[in-house]
Amino acid sequence: MAGDYPIARGKKIDFQLDTEKGIYIASCGGKAFGVLKTLVSGTRGDLGRLGANFSGIAVRVAPGRHDMEVKVFTGKKRLPARWENGIMVY
């Protein structure tokens, strides 16, 4: 992340796969702000089953530390994720 973004808890976070780079770009309100990198729980297969576009809810936000936790609802279980220095750790 290049700077602090005022994203509040409860905001919808969208993820879109950049097929050229093979990474998921995170955005809120149409403004890209980070990259999805790792899972807290679940597997890469779970992530792949979500498809090229999916959304979650910000449950913990620490903009000064560029840290965010996002819960993605899959129907069966949740895939929590968090930000560390502009990179999503899931």
N, C-alpha and C. Protein backbone atom coordinates (compact mmCIF):
# COMPACT_ATOMS: atom_id res chain seq x y z
N MET A 1 0.84 -1.18 0.00
CA MET A 1 0.00 0.00 0.00
C MET A 1 0.89 1.24 0.00
N ALA A 2 0.51 2.18 -0.79
CA ALA A 2 1.33 3.39 -0.90
C ALA A 2 1.07 4.37 0.23
N GLY A 3 -0.06 4.28 0.88
CA GLY A 3 -0.37 5.21 1.95
C GLY A 3 -1.51 4.71 2.80
N ASP A 4 -1.94 5.53 3.75
CA ASP A 4 -3.04 5.15 4.62
C ASP A 4 -4.37 5.34 3.88
N TYR A 5 -5.25 4.37 4.00
CA TYR A 5 -6.57 4.45 3.40
C TYR A 5 -7.60 4.36 4.52
N PRO A 6 -8.55 5.29 4.55
CA PRO A 6 -9.54 5.31 5.63
C PRO A 6 -10.66 4.29 5.39
N ILE A 7 -10.34 3.02 5.52
CA ILE A 7 -11.33 1.96 5.35
C ILE A 7 -11.80 1.52 6.72
N ALA A 8 -13.09 1.65 6.97
CA ALA A 8 -13.66 1.34 8.28
C ALA A 8 -14.03 -0.14 8.38
N ARG A 9 -14.08 -0.60 9.62
CA ARG A 9 -14.57 -1.94 9.89
C ARG A 9 -15.97 -2.09 9.31
N GLY A 10 -16.27 -3.24 8.74
CA GLY A 10 -17.57 -3.49 8.17
C GLY A 10 -17.69 -3.13 6.69
N LYS A 11 -16.66 -2.49 6.14
CA LYS A 11 -16.68 -2.13 4.72
C LYS A 11 -16.48 -3.37 3.85
N LYS A 12 -17.10 -3.36 2.68
CA LYS A 12 -16.94 -4.45 1.72
C LYS A 12 -15.60 -4.30 1.01
N ILE A 13 -14.83 -5.38 0.98
CA ILE A 13 -13.54 -5.42 0.31
C ILE A 13 -13.68 -6.37 -0.88
N ASP A 14 -13.39 -5.89 -2.06
CA ASP A 14 -13.49 -6.69 -3.27
C ASP A 14 -12.10 -7.18 -3.68
N PHE A 15 -12.05 -8.39 -4.22
CA PHE A 15 -10.81 -8.97 -4.71
C PHE A 15 -11.00 -9.36 -6.17
N GLN A 16 -10.04 -9.00 -7.01
CA GLN A 16 -10.11 -9.34 -8.43
C GLN A 16 -8.77 -9.91 -8.85
N LEU A 17 -8.81 -11.05 -9.55
CA LEU A 17 -7.60 -11.71 -9.99
C LEU A 17 -7.00 -10.98 -11.19
N ASP A 18 -5.72 -10.63 -11.06
CA ASP A 18 -4.95 -10.10 -12.20
C ASP A 18 -4.30 -11.32 -12.83
N THR A 19 -4.89 -11.83 -13.90
CA THR A 19 -4.41 -13.08 -14.50
C THR A 19 -3.00 -12.97 -15.06
N GLU A 20 -2.62 -11.79 -15.50
CA GLU A 20 -1.27 -11.59 -16.04
C GLU A 20 -0.21 -11.80 -14.96
N LYS A 21 -0.47 -11.27 -13.76
CA LYS A 21 0.50 -11.37 -12.66
C LYS A 21 0.19 -12.53 -11.72
N GLY A 22 -1.02 -13.10 -11.80
CA GLY A 22 -1.39 -14.22 -10.94
C GLY A 22 -1.61 -13.83 -9.50
N ILE A 23 -2.06 -12.58 -9.26
CA ILE A 23 -2.32 -12.11 -7.90
C ILE A 23 -3.72 -11.51 -7.81
N TYR A 24 -4.26 -11.49 -6.59
CA TYR A 24 -5.55 -10.85 -6.35
C TYR A 24 -5.30 -9.42 -5.86
N ILE A 25 -5.97 -8.46 -6.50
CA ILE A 25 -5.88 -7.06 -6.12
C ILE A 25 -7.08 -6.75 -5.22
N ALA A 26 -6.84 -6.12 -4.08
CA ALA A 26 -7.90 -5.75 -3.15
C ALA A 26 -8.31 -4.30 -3.40
N SER A 27 -9.63 -4.05 -3.33
CA SER A 27 -10.12 -2.69 -3.51
C SER A 27 -11.32 -2.46 -2.61
N CYS A 28 -11.59 -1.20 -2.37
CA CYS A 28 -12.75 -0.79 -1.58
C CYS A 28 -13.33 0.44 -2.26
N GLY A 29 -14.60 0.38 -2.61
CA GLY A 29 -15.23 1.52 -3.29
C GLY A 29 -14.58 1.83 -4.63
N GLY A 30 -14.06 0.81 -5.30
CA GLY A 30 -13.44 1.01 -6.61
C GLY A 30 -12.00 1.47 -6.57
N LYS A 31 -11.42 1.67 -5.37
CA LYS A 31 -10.04 2.14 -5.24
C LYS A 31 -9.15 1.00 -4.77
N ALA A 32 -8.23 0.55 -5.63
CA ALA A 32 -7.32 -0.54 -5.28
C ALA A 32 -6.33 -0.07 -4.22
N PHE A 33 -6.07 -0.94 -3.24
CA PHE A 33 -5.17 -0.53 -2.17
C PHE A 33 -4.24 -1.63 -1.68
N GLY A 34 -4.33 -2.84 -2.18
CA GLY A 34 -3.46 -3.89 -1.66
C GLY A 34 -3.49 -5.14 -2.50
N VAL A 35 -2.72 -6.14 -2.06
CA VAL A 35 -2.58 -7.40 -2.76
C VAL A 35 -2.82 -8.54 -1.78
N LEU A 36 -3.61 -9.52 -2.20
CA LEU A 36 -3.86 -10.72 -1.41
C LEU A 36 -2.67 -11.65 -1.57
N LYS A 37 -2.09 -12.09 -0.44
CA LYS A 37 -0.88 -12.89 -0.55
C LYS A 37 -0.98 -14.26 0.10
N THR A 38 -1.46 -14.36 1.33
CA THR A 38 -1.47 -15.65 2.04
C THR A 38 -2.79 -15.86 2.79
N LEU A 39 -3.09 -17.10 3.19
CA LEU A 39 -4.30 -17.44 3.94
C LEU A 39 -4.00 -17.66 5.42
N VAL A 40 -4.93 -17.23 6.28
CA VAL A 40 -4.84 -17.54 7.70
C VAL A 40 -5.37 -18.95 7.92
N SER A 41 -6.47 -19.28 7.25
CA SER A 41 -7.00 -20.65 7.26
C SER A 41 -7.52 -20.96 5.88
N GLY A 42 -7.68 -22.22 5.58
CA GLY A 42 -8.08 -22.62 4.24
C GLY A 42 -6.85 -22.94 3.41
N THR A 43 -7.10 -23.26 2.16
CA THR A 43 -6.01 -23.66 1.26
C THR A 43 -6.06 -22.82 -0.01
N ARG A 44 -5.03 -22.93 -0.82
CA ARG A 44 -5.02 -22.25 -2.12
C ARG A 44 -6.15 -22.79 -2.99
N GLY A 45 -6.49 -24.07 -2.80
CA GLY A 45 -7.62 -24.65 -3.53
C GLY A 45 -8.92 -23.95 -3.16
N ASP A 46 -9.10 -23.66 -1.87
CA ASP A 46 -10.29 -22.92 -1.42
C ASP A 46 -10.33 -21.55 -2.11
N LEU A 47 -9.19 -20.90 -2.17
CA LEU A 47 -9.11 -19.59 -2.81
C LEU A 47 -9.45 -19.69 -4.29
N GLY A 48 -8.94 -20.71 -4.95
CA GLY A 48 -9.23 -20.92 -6.37
C GLY A 48 -10.70 -21.16 -6.63
N ARG A 49 -11.38 -21.85 -5.71
CA ARG A 49 -12.81 -22.11 -5.87
C ARG A 49 -13.65 -20.85 -5.74
N LEU A 50 -13.11 -19.82 -5.11
CA LEU A 50 -13.85 -18.55 -5.02
C LEU A 50 -13.93 -17.85 -6.36
N GLY A 51 -13.03 -18.17 -7.27
CA GLY A 51 -13.05 -17.59 -8.61
C GLY A 51 -12.18 -16.36 -8.74
N ALA A 52 -12.34 -15.68 -9.86
CA ALA A 52 -11.52 -14.52 -10.18
C ALA A 52 -11.97 -13.26 -9.45
N ASN A 53 -13.22 -13.23 -9.00
CA ASN A 53 -13.76 -12.06 -8.29
C ASN A 53 -14.56 -12.53 -7.09
N PHE A 54 -14.26 -11.99 -5.93
CA PHE A 54 -15.04 -12.28 -4.73
C PHE A 54 -14.90 -11.12 -3.76
N SER A 55 -15.71 -11.14 -2.71
CA SER A 55 -15.72 -10.04 -1.74
C SER A 55 -15.69 -10.58 -0.33
N GLY A 56 -15.30 -9.72 0.59
CA GLY A 56 -15.29 -10.03 2.01
C GLY A 56 -15.61 -8.77 2.80
N ILE A 57 -15.58 -8.90 4.11
CA ILE A 57 -15.89 -7.79 5.02
C ILE A 57 -14.68 -7.51 5.89
N ALA A 58 -14.29 -6.24 5.98
CA ALA A 58 -13.18 -5.84 6.85
C ALA A 58 -13.65 -5.98 8.30
N VAL A 59 -12.95 -6.81 9.08
CA VAL A 59 -13.33 -7.02 10.48
C VAL A 59 -12.35 -6.38 11.45
N ARG A 60 -11.13 -6.10 11.00
CA ARG A 60 -10.14 -5.41 11.84
C ARG A 60 -9.29 -4.55 10.92
N VAL A 61 -9.18 -3.27 11.25
CA VAL A 61 -8.45 -2.33 10.41
C VAL A 61 -7.48 -1.52 11.27
N ALA A 62 -6.21 -1.49 10.87
CA ALA A 62 -5.19 -0.67 11.52
C ALA A 62 -4.43 0.06 10.41
N PRO A 63 -5.01 1.17 9.88
CA PRO A 63 -4.41 1.83 8.72
C PRO A 63 -3.00 2.35 8.95
N GLY A 64 -2.67 2.79 10.14
CA GLY A 64 -1.32 3.29 10.41
C GLY A 64 -0.27 2.21 10.25
N ARG A 65 -0.66 0.96 10.47
CA ARG A 65 0.26 -0.17 10.31
C ARG A 65 0.04 -0.88 8.99
N HIS A 66 -0.87 -0.37 8.17
CA HIS A 66 -1.22 -1.02 6.89
C HIS A 66 -1.62 -2.46 7.15
N ASP A 67 -2.48 -2.66 8.14
CA ASP A 67 -2.88 -3.98 8.59
C ASP A 67 -4.40 -4.08 8.55
N MET A 68 -4.93 -5.14 7.95
CA MET A 68 -6.37 -5.33 7.87
C MET A 68 -6.68 -6.82 7.90
N GLU A 69 -7.76 -7.18 8.56
CA GLU A 69 -8.25 -8.55 8.54
C GLU A 69 -9.58 -8.55 7.82
N VAL A 70 -9.72 -9.45 6.85
CA VAL A 70 -10.93 -9.53 6.03
C VAL A 70 -11.48 -10.94 6.14
N LYS A 71 -12.78 -11.06 6.37
CA LYS A 71 -13.43 -12.37 6.38
C LYS A 71 -14.15 -12.55 5.06
N VAL A 72 -13.88 -13.68 4.43
CA VAL A 72 -14.53 -14.02 3.17
C VAL A 72 -15.44 -15.20 3.46
N PHE A 73 -16.71 -15.06 3.15
CA PHE A 73 -17.69 -16.10 3.43
C PHE A 73 -17.82 -17.01 2.22
N THR A 74 -17.55 -18.29 2.43
CA THR A 74 -17.56 -19.25 1.33
C THR A 74 -18.82 -20.10 1.33
N GLY A 75 -19.66 -19.96 2.32
CA GLY A 75 -20.84 -20.79 2.43
C GLY A 75 -20.64 -21.88 3.46
N LYS A 76 -19.50 -22.57 3.40
CA LYS A 76 -19.22 -23.64 4.36
C LYS A 76 -18.36 -23.14 5.51
N LYS A 77 -17.37 -22.34 5.19
CA LYS A 77 -16.48 -21.82 6.24
C LYS A 77 -15.98 -20.45 5.83
N ARG A 78 -15.36 -19.77 6.75
CA ARG A 78 -14.82 -18.44 6.49
C ARG A 78 -13.33 -18.54 6.27
N LEU A 79 -12.83 -17.73 5.37
CA LEU A 79 -11.39 -17.64 5.14
C LEU A 79 -10.92 -16.29 5.67
N PRO A 80 -10.45 -16.22 6.92
CA PRO A 80 -9.98 -14.93 7.42
C PRO A 80 -8.65 -14.55 6.78
N ALA A 81 -8.45 -13.27 6.65
CA ALA A 81 -7.20 -12.78 6.08
C ALA A 81 -6.84 -11.48 6.78
N ARG A 82 -5.56 -11.11 6.77
CA ARG A 82 -5.15 -9.86 7.39
C ARG A 82 -4.05 -9.23 6.54
N TRP A 83 -3.89 -7.91 6.71
CA TRP A 83 -2.86 -7.16 5.96
C TRP A 83 -1.62 -7.02 6.82
N GLU A 84 -0.46 -7.16 6.23
CA GLU A 84 0.81 -6.84 6.87
C GLU A 84 1.62 -6.04 5.87
N ASN A 85 1.86 -4.77 6.19
CA ASN A 85 2.66 -3.90 5.33
C ASN A 85 2.18 -3.90 3.88
N GLY A 86 0.87 -3.79 3.71
CA GLY A 86 0.31 -3.67 2.37
C GLY A 86 0.11 -4.99 1.67
N ILE A 87 0.38 -6.12 2.33
CA ILE A 87 0.22 -7.42 1.71
C ILE A 87 -0.79 -8.21 2.52
N MET A 88 -1.76 -8.82 1.83
CA MET A 88 -2.78 -9.62 2.51
C MET A 88 -2.18 -10.94 2.93
N VAL A 89 -2.32 -11.27 4.20
CA VAL A 89 -1.86 -12.55 4.73
C VAL A 89 -3.11 -13.32 5.08
N TYR A 90 -3.35 -14.47 4.44
CA TYR A 90 -4.58 -15.22 4.69
C TYR A 90 -4.28 -16.64 5.08
